[in-house]
Structures are given as C-alpha cells and as structure tokens.
Amino acid sequence: MDEFDVMGRIKELCASRSWTYYRLAKEADIPYSSLSTMLHKAYVPSIPSLIKICRGFDITLAQFFSEEDDTAKLSKKQKLCLERWDKLDEQSQALALAYMEGLADRQNEK
C-alpha cells in the first residue's frame, strides 16, 4: 500500500480553493506558525490538528483521505451551487447554465 501524502493533500486542497495557508490557518482555527511548520518541514499533523484542518476545509476525514472524492476540493459556495442545481428540473438547469455563461462573458469583458 502506498503512503498517503498528507501535506500534499493539504496543499492540493488549498490550491483548489485558491486559499493561502494563512487563510487555512484562520478557517481551521490553528496558529499559522503551526501550519507553516507542518508545511515547510514536512511535519505530519496530529489527528486533532488534522480534524481542525478538515473542519476548516468543511470536509470529513474520509473525504480528506479519499483520492476519488472531488467534492472535497469544492468551496462552500460551490457545494451550495451544486445542491441547488440538483433541485432544478432539466429546463431550469439549462436556464441557470445560460445565465452563468452570460455572467462569465460579462466578467471577461471587464
């Protein structure tokens, strides 16, 4: 069995959310110095620290260790969008998608 790269996963989740490590420390309610030490010295966090980090990311430990669960990479807002999307019928989904495409085009024009 291959060894799971805990620090690589933390870095991956930060990158997928465009979070700084400082933001993760704030969200996880851990000192930035502790997180920095973990990241730069490849120090693997304790289980209580890892639980705090997962809470900061708003994911479970199972999602953290799952290599197949892409929902762990989603922000709270992205998860909320998907929850709302799933409640729409096919026609409403098409309208929502068209609206988002229009917003994205408008954003690109600026």
PDB file of N, CA and C in Angstrom:
ATOM      1  N   MET A   1       0.841  -1.182   0.000  1.00  0.00           N
ATOM      2  CA  MET A   1       0.000   0.000   0.000  1.00  0.00           C
ATOM      3  C   MET A   1       0.886   1.245   0.000  1.00  0.00           C
ATOM      4  N   ASP A   2       0.562   2.197  -0.854  1.00  0.00           N
ATOM      5  CA  ASP A   2       1.328   3.433  -0.930  1.00  0.00           C
ATOM      6  C   ASP A   2       1.017   4.322   0.268  1.00  0.00           C
ATOM      7  N   GLU A   3       2.020   5.074   0.682  1.00  0.00           N
ATOM      8  CA  GLU A   3       1.836   6.004   1.794  1.00  0.00           C
ATOM      9  C   GLU A   3       1.089   7.238   1.306  1.00  0.00           C
ATOM     10  N   PHE A   4       0.090   7.663   2.071  1.00  0.00           N
ATOM     11  CA  PHE A   4      -0.719   8.831   1.707  1.00  0.00           C
ATOM     12  C   PHE A   4       0.069  10.095   2.027  1.00  0.00           C
ATOM     13  N   ASP A   5       0.101  11.031   1.091  1.00  0.00           N
ATOM     14  CA  ASP A   5       0.826  12.289   1.255  1.00  0.00           C
ATOM     15  C   ASP A   5      -0.093  13.337   1.890  1.00  0.00           C
ATOM     16  N   VAL A   6      -0.099  13.390   3.222  1.00  0.00           N
ATOM     17  CA  VAL A   6      -0.974  14.296   3.968  1.00  0.00           C
ATOM     18  C   VAL A   6      -0.686  15.745   3.610  1.00  0.00           C
ATOM     19  N   MET A   7       0.574  16.117   3.616  1.00  0.00           N
ATOM     20  CA  MET A   7       0.920  17.509   3.343  1.00  0.00           C
ATOM     21  C   MET A   7       0.606  17.876   1.893  1.00  0.00           C
ATOM     22  N   GLY A   8       0.810  16.947   0.990  1.00  0.00           N
ATOM     23  CA  GLY A   8       0.462  17.186  -0.408  1.00  0.00           C
ATOM     24  C   GLY A   8      -1.034  17.406  -0.572  1.00  0.00           C
ATOM     25  N   ARG A   9      -1.824  16.659   0.186  1.00  0.00           N
ATOM     26  CA  ARG A   9      -3.283  16.802   0.121  1.00  0.00           C
ATOM     27  C   ARG A   9      -3.714  18.171   0.655  1.00  0.00           C
ATOM     28  N   ILE A  10      -3.097  18.629   1.735  1.00  0.00           N
ATOM     29  CA  ILE A  10      -3.415  19.954   2.282  1.00  0.00           C
ATOM     30  C   ILE A  10      -3.088  21.026   1.237  1.00  0.00           C
ATOM     31  N   LYS A  11      -1.931  20.909   0.620  1.00  0.00           N
ATOM     32  CA  LYS A  11      -1.528  21.876  -0.410  1.00  0.00           C
ATOM     33  C   LYS A  11      -2.491  21.834  -1.598  1.00  0.00           C
ATOM     34  N   GLU A  12      -2.883  20.631  -1.996  1.00  0.00           N
ATOM     35  CA  GLU A  12      -3.811  20.459  -3.114  1.00  0.00           C
ATOM     36  C   GLU A  12      -5.165  21.113  -2.815  1.00  0.00           C
ATOM     37  N   LEU A  13      -5.679  20.902  -1.604  1.00  0.00           N
ATOM     38  CA  LEU A  13      -6.968  21.476  -1.238  1.00  0.00           C
ATOM     39  C   LEU A  13      -6.899  23.000  -1.150  1.00  0.00           C
ATOM     40  N   CYS A  14      -5.797  23.527  -0.655  1.00  0.00           N
ATOM     41  CA  CYS A  14      -5.623  24.988  -0.637  1.00  0.00           C
ATOM     42  C   CYS A  14      -5.597  25.531  -2.063  1.00  0.00           C
ATOM     43  N   ALA A  15      -4.845  24.884  -2.920  1.00  0.00           N
ATOM     44  CA  ALA A  15      -4.725  25.349  -4.304  1.00  0.00           C
ATOM     45  C   ALA A  15      -6.069  25.284  -5.029  1.00  0.00           C
ATOM     46  N   SER A  16      -6.841  24.230  -4.790  1.00  0.00           N
ATOM     47  CA  SER A  16      -8.121  24.088  -5.485  1.00  0.00           C
ATOM     48  C   SER A  16      -9.117  25.161  -5.062  1.00  0.00           C
ATOM     49  N   ARG A  17      -8.935  25.716  -3.865  1.00  0.00           N
ATOM     50  CA  ARG A  17      -9.809  26.778  -3.372  1.00  0.00           C
ATOM     51  C   ARG A  17      -9.197  28.168  -3.556  1.00  0.00           C
ATOM     52  N   SER A  18      -7.984  28.215  -4.042  1.00  0.00           N
ATOM     53  CA  SER A  18      -7.217  29.469  -4.147  1.00  0.00           C
ATOM     54  C   SER A  18      -7.051  30.113  -2.766  1.00  0.00           C
ATOM     55  N   TRP A  19      -6.786  29.282  -1.780  1.00  0.00           N
ATOM     56  CA  TRP A  19      -6.577  29.737  -0.401  1.00  0.00           C
ATOM     57  C   TRP A  19      -5.092  29.864  -0.122  1.00  0.00           C
ATOM     58  N   THR A  20      -4.750  30.861   0.660  1.00  0.00           N
ATOM     59  CA  THR A  20      -3.395  30.940   1.201  1.00  0.00           C
ATOM     60  C   THR A  20      -3.346  30.024   2.416  1.00  0.00           C
ATOM     61  N   TYR A  21      -2.156  29.718   2.864  1.00  0.00           N
ATOM     62  CA  TYR A  21      -2.028  28.904   4.075  1.00  0.00           C
ATOM     63  C   TYR A  21      -2.482  29.702   5.291  1.00  0.00           C
ATOM     64  N   TYR A  22      -2.339  30.996   5.215  1.00  0.00           N
ATOM     65  CA  TYR A  22      -2.820  31.856   6.296  1.00  0.00           C
ATOM     66  C   TYR A  22      -4.340  31.724   6.420  1.00  0.00           C
ATOM     67  N   ARG A  23      -5.030  31.715   5.284  1.00  0.00           N
ATOM     68  CA  ARG A  23      -6.484  31.564   5.327  1.00  0.00           C
ATOM     69  C   ARG A  23      -6.875  30.217   5.901  1.00  0.00           C
ATOM     70  N   LEU A  24      -6.176  29.160   5.515  1.00  0.00           N
ATOM     71  CA  LEU A  24      -6.467  27.841   6.073  1.00  0.00           C
ATOM     72  C   LEU A  24      -6.286  27.850   7.582  1.00  0.00           C
ATOM     73  N   ALA A  25      -5.212  28.454   8.043  1.00  0.00           N
ATOM     74  CA  ALA A  25      -4.970  28.519   9.487  1.00  0.00           C
ATOM     75  C   ALA A  25      -6.129  29.214  10.194  1.00  0.00           C
ATOM     76  N   LYS A  26      -6.624  30.306   9.625  1.00  0.00           N
ATOM     77  CA  LYS A  26      -7.760  31.022  10.211  1.00  0.00           C
ATOM     78  C   LYS A  26      -9.025  30.163  10.184  1.00  0.00           C
ATOM     79  N   GLU A  27      -9.306  29.551   9.046  1.00  0.00           N
ATOM     80  CA  GLU A  27     -10.512  28.715   8.901  1.00  0.00           C
ATOM     81  C   GLU A  27     -10.457  27.505   9.838  1.00  0.00           C
ATOM     82  N   ALA A  28      -9.253  26.963  10.024  1.00  0.00           N
ATOM     83  CA  ALA A  28      -9.082  25.772  10.854  1.00  0.00           C
ATOM     84  C   ALA A  28      -8.892  26.099  12.329  1.00  0.00           C
ATOM     85  N   ASP A  29      -8.749  27.385  12.626  1.00  0.00           N
ATOM     86  CA  ASP A  29      -8.535  27.839  13.997  1.00  0.00           C
ATOM     87  C   ASP A  29      -7.280  27.205  14.614  1.00  0.00           C
ATOM     88  N   ILE A  30      -6.204  27.233  13.819  1.00  0.00           N
ATOM     89  CA  ILE A  30      -4.906  26.790  14.319  1.00  0.00           C
ATOM     90  C   ILE A  30      -3.903  27.911  14.067  1.00  0.00           C
ATOM     91  N   PRO A  31      -2.865  27.995  14.872  1.00  0.00           N
ATOM     92  CA  PRO A  31      -1.868  29.045  14.643  1.00  0.00           C
ATOM     93  C   PRO A  31      -1.186  28.873  13.279  1.00  0.00           C
ATOM     94  N   TYR A  32      -1.005  29.993  12.594  1.00  0.00           N
ATOM     95  CA  TYR A  32      -0.331  29.941  11.293  1.00  0.00           C
ATOM     96  C   TYR A  32       1.064  29.357  11.442  1.00  0.00           C
ATOM     97  N   SER A  33       1.740  29.675  12.531  1.00  0.00           N
ATOM     98  CA  SER A  33       3.099  29.158  12.732  1.00  0.00           C
ATOM     99  C   SER A  33       3.111  27.628  12.777  1.00  0.00           C
ATOM    100  N   SER A  34       2.073  27.038  13.373  1.00  0.00           N
ATOM    101  CA  SER A  34       1.989  25.570  13.435  1.00  0.00           C
ATOM    102  C   SER A  34       1.788  24.987  12.038  1.00  0.00           C
ATOM    103  N   LEU A  35       0.880  25.608  11.287  1.00  0.00           N
ATOM    104  CA  LEU A  35       0.632  25.129   9.923  1.00  0.00           C
ATOM    105  C   LEU A  35       1.877  25.294   9.062  1.00  0.00           C
ATOM    106  N   SER A  36       2.537  26.420   9.199  1.00  0.00           N
ATOM    107  CA  SER A  36       3.744  26.689   8.426  1.00  0.00           C
ATOM    108  C   SER A  36       4.828  25.653   8.726  1.00  0.00           C
ATOM    109  N   THR A  37       4.971  25.318   9.993  1.00  0.00           N
ATOM    110  CA  THR A  37       5.952  24.302  10.382  1.00  0.00           C
ATOM    111  C   THR A  37       5.617  22.962   9.739  1.00  0.00           C
ATOM    112  N   MET A  38       4.333  22.613   9.752  1.00  0.00           N
ATOM    113  CA  MET A  38       3.910  21.354   9.123  1.00  0.00           C
ATOM    114  C   MET A  38       4.258  21.345   7.638  1.00  0.00           C
ATOM    115  N   LEU A  39       3.956  22.452   6.971  1.00  0.00           N
ATOM    116  CA  LEU A  39       4.124  22.509   5.519  1.00  0.00           C
ATOM    117  C   LEU A  39       5.581  22.565   5.079  1.00  0.00           C
ATOM    118  N   HIS A  40       6.376  23.319   5.790  1.00  0.00           N
ATOM    119  CA  HIS A  40       7.754  23.539   5.338  1.00  0.00           C
ATOM    120  C   HIS A  40       8.753  22.519   5.880  1.00  0.00           C
ATOM    121  N   LYS A  41       8.381  21.836   6.930  1.00  0.00           N
ATOM    122  CA  LYS A  41       9.283  20.819   7.466  1.00  0.00           C
ATOM    123  C   LYS A  41       8.724  19.418   7.279  1.00  0.00           C
ATOM    124  N   ALA A  42       7.663  19.327   6.463  1.00  0.00           N
ATOM    125  CA  ALA A  42       7.017  18.044   6.175  1.00  0.00           C
ATOM    126  C   ALA A  42       6.645  17.306   7.446  1.00  0.00           C
ATOM    127  N   TYR A  43       6.226  18.056   8.439  1.00  0.00           N
ATOM    128  CA  TYR A  43       5.766  17.503   9.706  1.00  0.00           C
ATOM    129  C   TYR A  43       4.309  17.091   9.554  1.00  0.00           C
ATOM    130  N   VAL A  44       3.992  15.846   9.751  1.00  0.00           N
ATOM    131  CA  VAL A  44       2.624  15.360   9.599  1.00  0.00           C
ATOM    132  C   VAL A  44       1.819  15.766  10.832  1.00  0.00           C
ATOM    133  N   PRO A  45       0.659  16.394  10.624  1.00  0.00           N
ATOM    134  CA  PRO A  45      -0.133  16.863  11.761  1.00  0.00           C
ATOM    135  C   PRO A  45      -0.702  15.712  12.588  1.00  0.00           C
ATOM    136  N   SER A  46      -0.957  16.001  13.852  1.00  0.00           N
ATOM    137  CA  SER A  46      -1.614  15.027  14.716  1.00  0.00           C
ATOM    138  C   SER A  46      -3.065  14.878  14.266  1.00  0.00           C
ATOM    139  N   ILE A  47      -3.737  13.852  14.739  1.00  0.00           N
ATOM    140  CA  ILE A  47      -5.143  13.639  14.379  1.00  0.00           C
ATOM    141  C   ILE A  47      -6.004  14.829  14.804  1.00  0.00           C
ATOM    142  N   PRO A  48      -5.868  15.357  16.045  1.00  0.00           N
ATOM    143  CA  PRO A  48      -6.674  16.535  16.404  1.00  0.00           C
ATOM    144  C   PRO A  48      -6.419  17.736  15.486  1.00  0.00           C
ATOM    145  N   SER A  49      -5.168  17.955  15.093  1.00  0.00           N
ATOM    146  CA  SER A  49      -4.861  19.055  14.168  1.00  0.00           C
ATOM    147  C   SER A  49      -5.458  18.794  12.793  1.00  0.00           C
ATOM    148  N   LEU A  50      -5.386  17.559  12.345  1.00  0.00           N
ATOM    149  CA  LEU A  50      -5.940  17.200  11.041  1.00  0.00           C
ATOM    150  C   LEU A  50      -7.460  17.352  11.042  1.00  0.00           C
ATOM    151  N   ILE A  51      -8.096  17.035  12.153  1.00  0.00           N
ATOM    152  CA  ILE A  51      -9.545  17.229  12.261  1.00  0.00           C
ATOM    153  C   ILE A  51      -9.879  18.715  12.141  1.00  0.00           C
ATOM    154  N   LYS A  52      -9.086  19.568  12.788  1.00  0.00           N
ATOM    155  CA  LYS A  52      -9.306  21.011  12.675  1.00  0.00           C
ATOM    156  C   LYS A  52      -9.107  21.487  11.242  1.00  0.00           C
ATOM    157  N   ILE A  53      -8.105  20.969  10.581  1.00  0.00           N
ATOM    158  CA  ILE A  53      -7.843  21.331   9.185  1.00  0.00           C
ATOM    159  C   ILE A  53      -9.024  20.905   8.311  1.00  0.00           C
ATOM    160  N   CYS A  54      -9.536  19.704   8.534  1.00  0.00           N
ATOM    161  CA  CYS A  54     -10.691  19.233   7.768  1.00  0.00           C
ATOM    162  C   CYS A  54     -11.915  20.109   8.036  1.00  0.00           C
ATOM    163  N   ARG A  55     -12.114  20.490   9.282  1.00  0.00           N
ATOM    164  CA  ARG A  55     -13.229  21.400   9.595  1.00  0.00           C
ATOM    165  C   ARG A  55     -13.041  22.734   8.885  1.00  0.00           C
ATOM    166  N   GLY A  56     -11.807  23.202   8.823  1.00  0.00           N
ATOM    167  CA  GLY A  56     -11.531  24.437   8.105  1.00  0.00           C
ATOM    168  C   GLY A  56     -11.897  24.337   6.635  1.00  0.00           C
ATOM    169  N   PHE A  57     -11.634  23.189   6.048  1.00  0.00           N
ATOM    170  CA  PHE A  57     -11.982  22.942   4.650  1.00  0.00           C
ATOM    171  C   PHE A  57     -13.463  22.571   4.482  1.00  0.00           C
ATOM    172  N   ASP A  58     -14.151  22.326   5.599  1.00  0.00           N
ATOM    173  CA  ASP A  58     -15.546  21.880   5.597  1.00  0.00           C
ATOM    174  C   ASP A  58     -15.686  20.533   4.895  1.00  0.00           C
ATOM    175  N   ILE A  59     -14.773  19.620   5.247  1.00  0.00           N
ATOM    176  CA  ILE A  59     -14.821  18.258   4.729  1.00  0.00           C
ATOM    177  C   ILE A  59     -14.629  17.289   5.892  1.00  0.00           C
ATOM    178  N   THR A  60     -14.937  16.030   5.652  1.00  0.00           N
ATOM    179  CA  THR A  60     -14.717  14.999   6.658  1.00  0.00           C
ATOM    180  C   THR A  60     -13.305  14.423   6.503  1.00  0.00           C
ATOM    181  N   LEU A  61     -12.878  13.691   7.512  1.00  0.00           N
ATOM    182  CA  LEU A  61     -11.592  12.990   7.404  1.00  0.00           C
ATOM    183  C   LEU A  61     -11.631  11.984   6.251  1.00  0.00           C
ATOM    184  N   ALA A  62     -12.781  11.339   6.076  1.00  0.00           N
ATOM    185  CA  ALA A  62     -12.912  10.372   4.976  1.00  0.00           C
ATOM    186  C   ALA A  62     -12.714  11.061   3.632  1.00  0.00           C
ATOM    187  N   GLN A  63     -13.299  12.263   3.463  1.00  0.00           N
ATOM    188  CA  GLN A  63     -13.111  12.995   2.214  1.00  0.00           C
ATOM    189  C   GLN A  63     -11.652  13.403   2.051  1.00  0.00           C
ATOM    190  N   PHE A  64     -11.017  13.785   3.152  1.00  0.00           N
ATOM    191  CA  PHE A  64      -9.612  14.187   3.086  1.00  0.00           C
ATOM    192  C   PHE A  64      -8.753  13.047   2.544  1.00  0.00           C
ATOM    193  N   PHE A  65      -8.990  11.840   3.030  1.00  0.00           N
ATOM    194  CA  PHE A  65      -8.155  10.705   2.646  1.00  0.00           C
ATOM    195  C   PHE A  65      -8.622  10.011   1.367  1.00  0.00           C
ATOM    196  N   SER A  66      -9.788  10.392   0.855  1.00  0.00           N
ATOM    197  CA  SER A  66     -10.295   9.782  -0.369  1.00  0.00           C
ATOM    198  C   SER A  66      -9.623  10.413  -1.576  1.00  0.00           C
ATOM    199  N   GLU A  67      -9.061   9.592  -2.410  1.00  0.00           N
ATOM    200  CA  GLU A  67      -8.429  10.088  -3.633  1.00  0.00           C
ATOM    201  C   GLU A  67      -9.435  10.181  -4.769  1.00  0.00           C
ATOM    202  N   GLU A  68     -10.658   9.689  -4.543  1.00  0.00           N
ATOM    203  CA  GLU A  68     -11.663   9.672  -5.595  1.00  0.00           C
ATOM    204  C   GLU A  68     -12.757  10.707  -5.382  1.00  0.00           C
ATOM    205  N   ASP A  69     -12.790  11.376  -4.232  1.00  0.00           N
ATOM    206  CA  ASP A  69     -13.868  12.304  -3.905  1.00  0.00           C
ATOM    207  C   ASP A  69     -13.482  13.727  -4.275  1.00  0.00           C
ATOM    208  N   ASP A  70     -13.902  14.179  -5.440  1.00  0.00           N
ATOM    209  CA  ASP A  70     -13.584  15.529  -5.896  1.00  0.00           C
ATOM    210  C   ASP A  70     -14.377  16.603  -5.164  1.00  0.00           C
ATOM    211  N   THR A  71     -15.455  16.216  -4.454  1.00  0.00           N
ATOM    212  CA  THR A  71     -16.228  17.225  -3.735  1.00  0.00           C
ATOM    213  C   THR A  71     -15.418  17.845  -2.598  1.00  0.00           C
ATOM    214  N   ALA A  72     -14.390  17.165  -2.142  1.00  0.00           N
ATOM    215  CA  ALA A  72     -13.546  17.728  -1.086  1.00  0.00           C
ATOM    216  C   ALA A  72     -12.816  18.970  -1.573  1.00  0.00           C
ATOM    217  N   LYS A  73     -12.658  19.113  -2.871  1.00  0.00           N
ATOM    218  CA  LYS A  73     -11.956  20.261  -3.439  1.00  0.00           C
ATOM    219  C   LYS A  73     -12.868  21.469  -3.629  1.00  0.00           C
ATOM    220  N   LEU A  74     -14.170  21.294  -3.413  1.00  0.00           N
ATOM    221  CA  LEU A  74     -15.120  22.377  -3.636  1.00  0.00           C
ATOM    222  C   LEU A  74     -15.215  23.300  -2.422  1.00  0.00           C
ATOM    223  N   SER A  75     -15.412  24.580  -2.700  1.00  0.00           N
ATOM    224  CA  SER A  75     -15.639  25.544  -1.629  1.00  0.00           C
ATOM    225  C   SER A  75     -17.082  25.417  -1.141  1.00  0.00           C
ATOM    226  N   LYS A  76     -17.409  26.076  -0.039  1.00  0.00           N
ATOM    227  CA  LYS A  76     -18.779  26.047   0.479  1.00  0.00           C
ATOM    228  C   LYS A  76     -19.758  26.607  -0.554  1.00  0.00           C
ATOM    229  N   LYS A  77     -19.371  27.679  -1.215  1.00  0.00           N
ATOM    230  CA  LYS A  77     -20.254  28.282  -2.220  1.00  0.00           C
ATOM    231  C   LYS A  77     -20.465  27.343  -3.403  1.00  0.00           C
ATOM    232  N   GLN A  78     -19.418  26.641  -3.820  1.00  0.00           N
ATOM    233  CA  GLN A  78     -19.549  25.704  -4.932  1.00  0.00           C
ATOM    234  C   GLN A  78     -20.456  24.539  -4.550  1.00  0.00           C
ATOM    235  N   LYS A  79     -20.308  24.057  -3.312  1.00  0.00           N
ATOM    236  CA  LYS A  79     -21.184  22.972  -2.841  1.00  0.00           C
ATOM    237  C   LYS A  79     -22.633  23.433  -2.811  1.00  0.00           C
ATOM    238  N   LEU A  80     -22.861  24.665  -2.357  1.00  0.00           N
ATOM    239  CA  LEU A  80     -24.212  25.215  -2.309  1.00  0.00           C
ATOM    240  C   LEU A  80     -24.813  25.296  -3.709  1.00  0.00           C
ATOM    241  N   CYS A  81     -24.010  25.724  -4.682  1.00  0.00           N
ATOM    242  CA  CYS A  81     -24.483  25.784  -6.072  1.00  0.00           C
ATOM    243  C   CYS A  81     -24.900  24.400  -6.573  1.00  0.00           C
ATOM    244  N   LEU A  82     -24.099  23.395  -6.257  1.00  0.00           N
ATOM    245  CA  LEU A  82     -24.432  22.037  -6.703  1.00  0.00           C
ATOM    246  C   LEU A  82     -25.685  21.510  -6.020  1.00  0.00           C
ATOM    247  N   GLU A  83     -25.848  21.844  -4.733  1.00  0.00           N
ATOM    248  CA  GLU A  83     -27.057  21.421  -4.023  1.00  0.00           C
ATOM    249  C   GLU A  83     -28.295  22.037  -4.680  1.00  0.00           C
ATOM    250  N   ARG A  84     -28.198  23.316  -5.017  1.00  0.00           N
ATOM    251  CA  ARG A  84     -29.322  23.998  -5.670  1.00  0.00           C
ATOM    252  C   ARG A  84     -29.538  23.437  -7.080  1.00  0.00           C
ATOM    253  N   TRP A  85     -28.455  23.167  -7.792  1.00  0.00           N
ATOM    254  CA  TRP A  85     -28.524  22.622  -9.146  1.00  0.00           C
ATOM    255  C   TRP A  85     -29.306  21.313  -9.154  1.00  0.00           C
ATOM    256  N   ASP A  86     -29.030  20.462  -8.180  1.00  0.00           N
ATOM    257  CA  ASP A  86     -29.686  19.153  -8.114  1.00  0.00           C
ATOM    258  C   ASP A  86     -31.191  19.255  -7.885  1.00  0.00           C
ATOM    259  N   LYS A  87     -31.660  20.387  -7.389  1.00  0.00           N
ATOM    260  CA  LYS A  87     -33.091  20.573  -7.125  1.00  0.00           C
ATOM    261  C   LYS A  87     -33.839  21.098  -8.359  1.00  0.00           C
ATOM    262  N   LEU A  88     -33.098  21.483  -9.402  1.00  0.00           N
ATOM    263  CA  LEU A  88     -33.713  22.050 -10.596  1.00  0.00           C
ATOM    264  C   LEU A  88     -34.094  20.967 -11.600  1.00  0.00           C
ATOM    265  N   ASP A  89     -35.173  21.224 -12.346  1.00  0.00           N
ATOM    266  CA  ASP A  89     -35.508  20.325 -13.446  1.00  0.00           C
ATOM    267  C   ASP A  89     -34.582  20.644 -14.623  1.00  0.00           C
ATOM    268  N   GLU A  90     -34.675  19.859 -15.675  1.00  0.00           N
ATOM    269  CA  GLU A  90     -33.752  19.985 -16.806  1.00  0.00           C
ATOM    270  C   GLU A  90     -33.828  21.357 -17.471  1.00  0.00           C
ATOM    271  N   GLN A  91     -35.040  21.883 -17.645  1.00  0.00           N
ATOM    272  CA  GLN A  91     -35.204  23.188 -18.280  1.00  0.00           C
ATOM    273  C   GLN A  91     -34.609  24.297 -17.407  1.00  0.00           C
ATOM    274  N   SER A  92     -34.828  24.217 -16.115  1.00  0.00           N
ATOM    275  CA  SER A  92     -34.270  25.222 -15.203  1.00  0.00           C
ATOM    276  C   SER A  92     -32.747  25.142 -15.153  1.00  0.00           C
ATOM    277  N   GLN A  93     -32.202  23.941 -15.252  1.00  0.00           N
ATOM    278  CA  GLN A  93     -30.747  23.797 -15.300  1.00  0.00           C
ATOM    279  C   GLN A  93     -30.184  24.466 -16.545  1.00  0.00           C
ATOM    280  N   ALA A  94     -30.864  24.307 -17.679  1.00  0.00           N
ATOM    281  CA  ALA A  94     -30.409  24.935 -18.922  1.00  0.00           C
ATOM    282  C   ALA A  94     -30.439  26.454 -18.785  1.00  0.00           C
ATOM    283  N   LEU A  95     -31.491  26.993 -18.171  1.00  0.00           N
ATOM    284  CA  LEU A  95     -31.584  28.438 -17.962  1.00  0.00           C
ATOM    285  C   LEU A  95     -30.485  28.934 -17.018  1.00  0.00           C
ATOM    286  N   ALA A  96     -30.263  28.192 -15.944  1.00  0.00           N
ATOM    287  CA  ALA A  96     -29.226  28.579 -14.980  1.00  0.00           C
ATOM    288  C   ALA A  96     -27.852  28.577 -15.635  1.00  0.00           C
ATOM    289  N   LEU A  97     -27.585  27.568 -16.441  1.00  0.00           N
ATOM    290  CA  LEU A  97     -26.303  27.482 -17.135  1.00  0.00           C
ATOM    291  C   LEU A  97     -26.130  28.643 -18.111  1.00  0.00           C
ATOM    292  N   ALA A  98     -27.192  28.976 -18.850  1.00  0.00           N
ATOM    293  CA  ALA A  98     -27.128  30.098 -19.785  1.00  0.00           C
ATOM    294  C   ALA A  98     -26.875  31.407 -19.030  1.00  0.00           C
ATOM    295  N   TYR A  99     -27.514  31.569 -17.895  1.00  0.00           N
ATOM    296  CA  TYR A  99     -27.324  32.772 -17.085  1.00  0.00           C
ATOM    297  C   TYR A  99     -25.875  32.874 -16.599  1.00  0.00           C
ATOM    298  N   MET A 100     -25.332  31.754 -16.108  1.00  0.00           N
ATOM    299  CA  MET A 100     -23.945  31.761 -15.627  1.00  0.00           C
ATOM    300  C   MET A 100     -22.968  32.039 -16.770  1.00  0.00           C
ATOM    301  N   GLU A 101     -23.243  31.513 -17.953  1.00  0.00           N
ATOM    302  CA  GLU A 101     -22.381  31.783 -19.102  1.00  0.00           C
ATOM    303  C   GLU A 101     -22.412  33.261 -19.455  1.00  0.00           C
ATOM    304  N   GLY A 102     -23.608  33.865 -19.379  1.00  0.00           N
ATOM    305  CA  GLY A 102     -23.733  35.297 -19.629  1.00  0.00           C
ATOM    306  C   GLY A 102     -22.952  36.115 -18.606  1.00  0.00           C
ATOM    307  N   LEU A 103     -23.028  35.715 -17.352  1.00  0.00           N
ATOM    308  CA  LEU A 103     -22.267  36.408 -16.306  1.00  0.00           C
ATOM    309  C   LEU A 103     -20.764  36.277 -16.541  1.00  0.00           C
ATOM    310  N   ALA A 104     -20.335  35.083 -16.926  1.00  0.00           N
ATOM    311  CA  ALA A 104     -18.904  34.862 -17.180  1.00  0.00           C
ATOM    312  C   ALA A 104     -18.434  35.702 -18.360  1.00  0.00           C
ATOM    313  N   ASP A 105     -19.250  35.768 -19.406  1.00  0.00           N
ATOM    314  CA  ASP A 105     -18.894  36.612 -20.571  1.00  0.00           C
ATOM    315  C   ASP A 105     -18.796  38.069 -20.165  1.00  0.00           C
ATOM    316  N   ARG A 106     -19.745  38.518 -19.361  1.00  0.00           N
ATOM    317  CA  ARG A 106     -19.751  39.906 -18.883  1.00  0.00           C
ATOM    318  C   ARG A 106     -18.498  40.198 -18.049  1.00  0.00           C
ATOM    319  N   GLN A 107     -18.116  39.228 -17.216  1.00  0.00           N
ATOM    320  CA  GLN A 107     -16.935  39.364 -16.367  1.00  0.00           C
ATOM    321  C   GLN A 107     -15.679  39.465 -17.228  1.00  0.00           C
ATOM    322  N   ASN A 108     -15.633  38.687 -18.306  1.00  0.00           N
ATOM    323  CA  ASN A 108     -14.454  38.685 -19.193  1.00  0.00           C
ATOM    324  C   ASN A 108     -14.314  39.989 -19.967  1.00  0.00           C
ATOM    325  N   GLU A 109     -15.433  40.678 -20.181  1.00  0.00           N
ATOM    326  CA  GLU A 109     -15.386  41.940 -20.914  1.00  0.00           C
ATOM    327  C   GLU A 109     -14.771  43.061 -20.095  1.00  0.00           C
ATOM    328  N   LYS A 110     -14.791  42.925 -18.792  1.00  0.00           N
ATOM    329  CA  LYS A 110     -14.271  43.997 -17.920  1.00  0.00           C
ATOM    330  C   LYS A 110     -12.773  44.042 -17.915  1.00  0.00           C
TER     331      LYS A 110
END
